[in-house]
Protein backbone atom coordinates (compact mmCIF):
# COMPACT_ATOMS: atom_id res chain seq x y z
CA MET A 1 0.00 0.00 0.00
CA SER A 2 1.33 3.44 -0.90
CA THR A 3 1.86 6.18 1.67
CA ALA A 4 -0.96 8.14 0.05
CA SER A 5 -3.33 5.24 0.59
CA VAL A 6 -2.39 5.00 4.26
CA ASP A 7 -2.95 8.73 4.54
CA ALA A 8 -6.38 8.35 2.97
CA LEU A 9 -7.27 5.70 5.55
CA GLN A 10 -6.10 7.97 8.36
CA ARG A 11 -8.32 10.75 7.06
CA THR A 12 -11.24 8.33 6.85
CA ALA A 13 -10.58 7.24 10.44
CA ALA A 14 -10.76 10.89 11.49
CA ILE A 15 -14.15 11.20 9.77
CA VAL A 16 -15.34 8.00 11.45
CA ARG A 17 -14.35 9.44 14.83
CA ARG A 18 -16.24 12.64 14.12
CA ARG A 19 -19.35 10.65 13.18
CA ILE A 20 -19.07 8.64 16.41
CA VAL A 21 -18.93 11.68 18.68
CA GLU A 22 -21.58 13.58 16.74
CA MET A 23 -24.15 10.79 16.75
CA ILE A 24 -23.65 9.96 20.43
CA GLY A 25 -23.88 13.63 21.33
CA ARG A 26 -27.14 14.01 19.42
CA ALA A 27 -28.57 10.82 20.88
CA GLY A 28 -27.64 11.83 24.41
CA SER A 29 -26.41 8.31 25.17
CA GLY A 30 -23.99 5.73 23.89
CA HIS A 31 -20.45 4.45 24.29
CA PRO A 32 -17.81 6.86 22.96
CA GLY A 33 -14.67 5.55 24.67
CA GLY A 34 -14.49 2.07 23.17
CA SER A 35 -15.92 3.24 19.85
CA LEU A 36 -13.12 5.78 19.42
CA SER A 37 -10.44 3.26 20.38
CA ALA A 38 -11.70 0.87 17.69
CA ALA A 39 -11.97 3.41 14.87
CA ASP A 40 -8.62 2.77 13.19
CA ILE A 41 -9.09 -1.00 13.09
CA LEU A 42 -12.60 -0.70 11.68
CA THR A 43 -11.42 1.82 9.09
CA ALA A 44 -8.62 -0.52 7.97
CA LEU A 45 -11.10 -3.37 7.69
CA TYR A 46 -13.97 -1.65 5.91
CA PHE A 47 -11.89 0.50 3.56
CA HIS A 48 -9.08 -1.88 2.66
CA VAL A 49 -9.33 -5.42 3.97
CA LEU A 50 -12.86 -6.78 3.75
CA ARG A 51 -14.22 -8.23 0.54
CA LEU A 52 -17.71 -6.77 0.37
CA ASP A 53 -20.29 -5.02 -1.78
CA PRO A 54 -22.33 -2.23 -0.13
CA GLU A 55 -24.91 -2.44 -2.92
CA ASN A 56 -25.34 -6.15 -2.24
CA PRO A 57 -24.86 -6.68 1.53
CA GLY A 58 -25.94 -10.31 1.28
CA TRP A 59 -23.37 -11.24 -1.37
CA PRO A 60 -22.50 -14.87 -0.56
CA GLU A 61 -18.76 -14.42 -1.18
CA ARG A 62 -18.38 -11.45 1.18
CA ASP A 63 -16.08 -11.55 4.17
CA ARG A 64 -17.85 -11.51 7.54
CA PHE A 65 -17.11 -9.14 10.42
CA VAL A 66 -18.50 -9.64 13.91
CA LEU A 67 -18.37 -6.79 16.43
CA SER A 68 -18.34 -8.87 19.59
CA LYS A 69 -17.97 -5.75 21.77
CA GLY A 70 -21.38 -4.66 20.53
CA HIS A 71 -21.59 -1.53 22.68
CA ALA A 72 -19.07 0.01 20.26
CA ALA A 73 -21.84 0.01 17.65
CA PRO A 74 -21.35 3.73 16.83
CA ALA A 75 -17.93 2.89 15.34
CA LEU A 76 -19.45 0.13 13.21
CA TYR A 77 -22.35 2.33 12.12
CA ALA A 78 -20.01 5.15 11.13
CA ALA A 79 -17.82 2.79 9.09
CA LEU A 80 -20.83 1.19 7.36
CA ALA A 81 -22.33 4.57 6.50
CA GLU A 82 -19.08 5.97 5.14
CA ARG A 83 -18.59 2.77 3.13
CA GLY A 84 -22.00 3.22 1.50
CA PHE A 85 -24.22 0.61 3.15
CA PHE A 86 -26.78 3.27 4.08
CA PRO A 87 -26.98 7.09 3.98
CA VAL A 88 -24.78 8.98 6.42
CA SER A 89 -27.87 10.99 7.41
CA GLU A 90 -29.22 7.83 9.10
CA LEU A 91 -26.56 8.23 11.78
CA ASP A 92 -28.67 11.03 13.25
CA ARG A 93 -31.19 8.37 14.28
CA LEU A 94 -28.85 6.53 16.68
CA ARG A 95 -30.87 5.06 19.57
CA ARG A 96 -34.11 6.67 18.37
CA LEU A 97 -37.35 4.74 18.78
CA GLY A 98 -37.90 2.63 15.66
CA SER A 99 -34.43 3.31 14.28
CA PRO A 100 -32.34 0.42 12.89
CA LEU A 101 -29.34 1.98 14.64
CA GLN A 102 -29.91 0.77 18.19
CA GLY A 103 -27.44 0.74 21.07
CA HIS A 104 -26.18 -2.66 19.93
CA PRO A 105 -26.04 -3.98 16.35
CA ASP A 106 -29.12 -5.76 14.98
CA MET A 107 -28.43 -7.94 11.95
CA LYS A 108 -32.15 -8.10 11.10
CA SER A 109 -32.61 -4.36 10.73
CA LEU A 110 -29.40 -2.84 9.36
CA PRO A 111 -27.57 -3.79 6.13
CA GLY A 112 -23.96 -4.80 6.64
CA VAL A 113 -24.39 -6.07 10.20
CA GLU A 114 -23.45 -9.76 10.32
CA ALA A 115 -24.33 -10.54 13.93
CA SER A 116 -26.60 -9.15 16.65
CA THR A 117 -24.14 -8.58 19.49
CA GLY A 118 -23.85 -6.90 22.84
CA SER A 119 -24.12 -9.76 25.31
CA LEU A 120 -20.39 -9.77 25.89
CA GLY A 121 -18.42 -12.96 25.43
CA GLN A 122 -20.55 -14.46 22.66
CA GLY A 123 -19.16 -12.91 19.47
CA LEU A 124 -16.11 -15.16 19.16
CA SER A 125 -18.31 -18.26 19.39
CA PHE A 126 -20.47 -16.87 16.59
CA ALA A 127 -17.36 -16.13 14.51
CA VAL A 128 -16.06 -19.67 15.06
CA GLY A 129 -19.36 -21.02 13.72
CA LEU A 130 -19.06 -18.82 10.65
CA ALA A 131 -15.49 -19.95 10.02
CA LEU A 132 -16.50 -23.60 10.33
CA ALA A 133 -19.38 -22.99 7.90
CA ALA A 134 -16.98 -21.46 5.37
CA ARG A 135 -14.73 -24.50 5.64
CA LEU A 136 -17.61 -26.93 5.19
CA ASP A 137 -18.75 -25.00 2.12
CA LYS A 138 -15.17 -24.82 0.81
CA ALA A 139 -15.74 -21.07 0.54
CA SER A 140 -12.97 -18.51 0.18
CA TRP A 141 -14.47 -15.82 2.40
CA ARG A 142 -12.84 -15.04 5.72
CA VAL A 143 -14.15 -14.17 9.17
CA TYR A 144 -13.01 -11.25 11.31
CA VAL A 145 -14.11 -10.47 14.87
CA MET A 146 -13.35 -7.67 17.33
CA LEU A 147 -13.22 -8.33 21.06
CA GLY A 148 -12.92 -5.93 23.98
CA ASP A 149 -10.26 -6.45 26.63
CA GLY A 150 -12.82 -6.36 29.44
CA GLU A 151 -14.90 -8.79 27.43
CA ILE A 152 -12.26 -11.52 27.48
CA GLN A 153 -12.83 -11.87 31.21
CA GLU A 154 -15.83 -13.96 30.09
CA GLY A 155 -15.32 -17.73 30.15
CA GLN A 156 -17.17 -18.37 26.90
CA VAL A 157 -14.42 -16.48 25.05
CA TRP A 158 -11.89 -19.09 26.08
CA GLU A 159 -14.14 -22.00 25.15
CA ALA A 160 -14.44 -20.47 21.70
CA ALA A 161 -10.69 -19.89 21.58
CA MET A 162 -10.09 -23.59 22.29
CA ALA A 163 -12.57 -24.62 19.61
CA ALA A 164 -11.01 -22.34 17.00
CA SER A 165 -7.56 -23.72 17.70
CA HIS A 166 -8.77 -27.32 17.84
CA HIS A 167 -10.32 -26.99 14.39
CA GLY A 168 -7.33 -25.11 12.97
CA LEU A 169 -9.47 -22.21 11.77
CA ASP A 170 -6.90 -20.25 9.80
CA ASN A 171 -9.73 -18.39 8.06
CA LEU A 172 -10.50 -16.62 11.35
CA THR A 173 -8.79 -13.42 12.52
CA ALA A 174 -9.62 -11.75 15.82
CA TYR A 175 -8.72 -8.23 16.94
CA LEU A 176 -8.42 -7.41 20.63
CA ASP A 177 -9.16 -3.74 21.30
CA TYR A 178 -6.75 -3.56 24.21
CA ASN A 179 -7.41 -0.09 25.63
CA GLY A 180 -6.95 -1.19 29.23
CA LEU A 181 -10.23 0.23 30.57
CA GLN A 182 -13.75 -1.06 31.12
CA ILE A 183 -16.86 0.49 32.63
CA ASP A 184 -15.74 -0.07 36.24
CA GLY A 185 -12.12 1.05 35.81
CA PRO A 186 -8.77 -0.38 34.68
CA VAL A 187 -9.10 -3.92 33.36
CA GLU A 188 -6.14 -5.08 35.41
CA GLU A 189 -7.85 -3.92 38.61
CA VAL A 190 -11.32 -5.29 37.82
CA MET A 191 -9.98 -8.70 36.78
CA SER A 192 -6.49 -9.12 35.40
CA ILE A 193 -6.21 -10.59 31.90
CA SER A 194 -2.39 -10.56 31.84
CA PRO A 195 -0.34 -11.94 30.23
CA VAL A 196 -2.70 -11.54 27.27
CA ALA A 197 -0.45 -12.61 24.41
CA ASP A 198 0.90 -15.64 26.28
CA LYS A 199 -2.63 -16.81 27.13
CA TRP A 200 -3.74 -16.77 23.50
CA ARG A 201 -0.54 -18.54 22.45
CA ALA A 202 -1.22 -21.18 25.10
CA PHE A 203 -4.65 -21.70 23.52
CA GLY A 204 -2.98 -22.45 20.20
CA TRP A 205 -3.44 -19.11 18.44
CA ASN A 206 -0.98 -17.19 16.31
CA VAL A 207 -0.52 -13.89 18.14
CA ILE A 208 0.55 -10.57 16.62
CA GLU A 209 0.93 -7.47 18.80
CA VAL A 210 0.52 -4.01 17.25
CA ASP A 211 -0.19 -0.37 17.94
CA GLY A 212 -3.93 -0.29 17.33
CA HIS A 213 -3.77 3.26 15.99
CA ASP A 214 -1.04 2.55 13.42
CA ILE A 215 -2.98 1.68 10.28
CA SER A 216 0.11 0.43 8.42
CA ALA A 217 0.84 -1.95 11.31
CA ILE A 218 -2.78 -3.12 11.41
CA LEU A 219 -2.67 -3.92 7.69
CA ARG A 220 0.66 -5.74 7.92
CA ALA A 221 -0.64 -7.83 10.81
CA THR A 222 -3.84 -8.63 8.92
CA ARG A 223 -1.84 -9.72 5.89
CA ASP A 224 0.35 -11.94 8.09
CA ALA A 225 -2.79 -13.45 9.62
CA ARG A 226 -4.07 -14.30 6.16
CA GLU A 227 -0.79 -16.03 5.34
CA THR A 228 -0.77 -18.08 8.57
CA LYS A 229 -1.93 -21.63 8.01
CA GLY A 230 -3.29 -24.24 10.41
CA ARG A 231 -4.36 -21.99 13.28
CA PRO A 232 -6.39 -18.82 13.94
CA THR A 233 -4.74 -15.47 14.54
CA ILE A 234 -5.44 -12.80 17.12
CA ILE A 235 -4.09 -9.30 16.63
CA VAL A 236 -3.59 -7.76 20.06
CA ALA A 237 -3.99 -4.06 19.36
CA ARG A 238 -2.86 -1.61 22.04
CA THR A 239 -5.26 1.32 21.88
CA VAL A 240 -6.32 4.41 23.83
CA LYS A 241 -9.86 4.64 25.09
CA GLY A 242 -11.46 7.83 23.77
CA ARG A 243 -8.72 8.27 21.16
CA GLY A 244 -8.85 11.62 19.38
CA VAL A 245 -10.75 13.60 22.02
CA SER A 246 -8.42 15.04 24.64
CA PHE A 247 -10.78 14.98 27.61
CA MET A 248 -11.95 11.42 26.85
CA GLU A 249 -8.57 9.80 26.27
CA GLY A 250 -7.64 7.25 28.92
CA LYS A 251 -10.73 7.96 31.05
CA HIS A 252 -12.94 5.01 31.92
CA GLY A 253 -15.76 7.43 32.80
CA TRP A 254 -16.27 7.91 29.06
CA HIS A 255 -17.04 4.24 28.55
CA GLY A 256 -20.78 4.85 28.32
CA LYS A 257 -21.46 8.57 28.70
CA ALA A 258 -22.52 11.08 26.06
CA PRO A 259 -20.89 14.52 25.89
CA ASN A 260 -23.00 17.54 26.78
CA GLU A 261 -23.41 20.42 24.31
CA GLU A 262 -20.23 22.21 25.35
CA GLN A 263 -18.18 19.01 25.39
CA LEU A 264 -19.58 17.99 22.01
CA LYS A 265 -18.50 21.31 20.54
CA GLN A 266 -14.97 20.92 21.92
CA ALA A 267 -14.70 17.31 20.73
CA LEU A 268 -15.83 18.16 17.21
CA GLU A 269 -13.40 21.09 17.05
CA GLU A 270 -10.55 18.79 18.05
CA LEU A 271 -11.54 16.13 15.53
CA ASP A 272 -12.00 18.71 12.78
CA GLY A 273 -8.53 20.00 13.59
CA LEU A 274 -7.14 16.48 13.31
CA ALA A 275 -8.83 15.97 9.94
CA SER A 276 -7.48 19.31 8.67
CA ALA A 277 -3.96 18.45 9.83
CA LEU A 278 -4.09 15.10 8.06
CA ALA A 279 -5.35 16.72 4.88
CA ALA A 280 -2.54 19.28 5.04
CA GLU A 281 0.01 16.50 5.33
CA ASP A 282 -1.13 14.93 2.05
CA GLY A 283 1.80 14.20 -0.21
CA ARG A 284 4.42 14.56 2.50
CA PRO A 285 7.62 12.55 1.91
CA GLY A 286 8.00 9.29 3.74
CA ALA A 287 8.42 5.56 3.40
CA ALA A 288 5.51 3.63 1.91
CA GLY A 289 3.58 1.33 4.19
CA GLU A 290 3.32 -2.35 3.42
CA ASP A 291 0.19 -3.72 1.85
CA GLY A 292 -2.66 -5.38 3.70
CA GLU A 293 -5.05 -7.91 2.18
CA GLY A 294 -6.40 -5.51 -0.41
CA THR A 295 -9.63 -7.39 -1.09
CA SER A 296 -12.08 -4.54 -0.61
CA GLY A 297 -14.53 -4.22 -3.48
């Protein structure tokens, strides 16, 4: 992937972040912290990695993505809207009565959503089932799933991890949004999950550790996951909760709280400034990033 392409993804991620904050602010409720920390990974997936067709969401050969940490739905909605699955104007209806954009994703009401999630700990099991189905059908599509770090305190996650390894599901790639915070505080204080990478290796997974806000690194890791045979891969992505909004960054209190009018204004000004800075950097000299999967349609 060229440097310009990485830059374009960074600008898209900035737009996705703006959409997240704006829709949560208008709704008056939602989960900004974990949505903002996931924005770069979702941007890399929906704008470079995933094989999909927004005009035909049910295309049988599409790749499948499962947002196991379903409370980060605003990040998924923003990515889907920007990718063309539905009009961006629909984002204004987040959490409204009768809206398809509820607090957690609903696969029966919104195009592009592959799984109804939000009961934490269940998404990886669903993804394992999808990956097994693809193998039985001898299909070429792949399965991707995002987990939260607080979420992997759930026992069902580890049952699914064992099953994926047992069946050698190399068509399955997981991303751990490792921002270190959950609703009640630091993950390590609520219930330690360390050593994360060693635990997944012990369960038979290929483990890649990256900066979850470095899009080039995310794409390289995703490519390496695709090339790994005989076992599933988890990409442990170190992220910052509330990334991109100064007063939200690293604060667990922003796990599930909407900004007020003044805070919304400040957040949007900061994100607009980030987008402008990225646009101004267009064409700057620098080494080209390595390519990811490059299967986006």
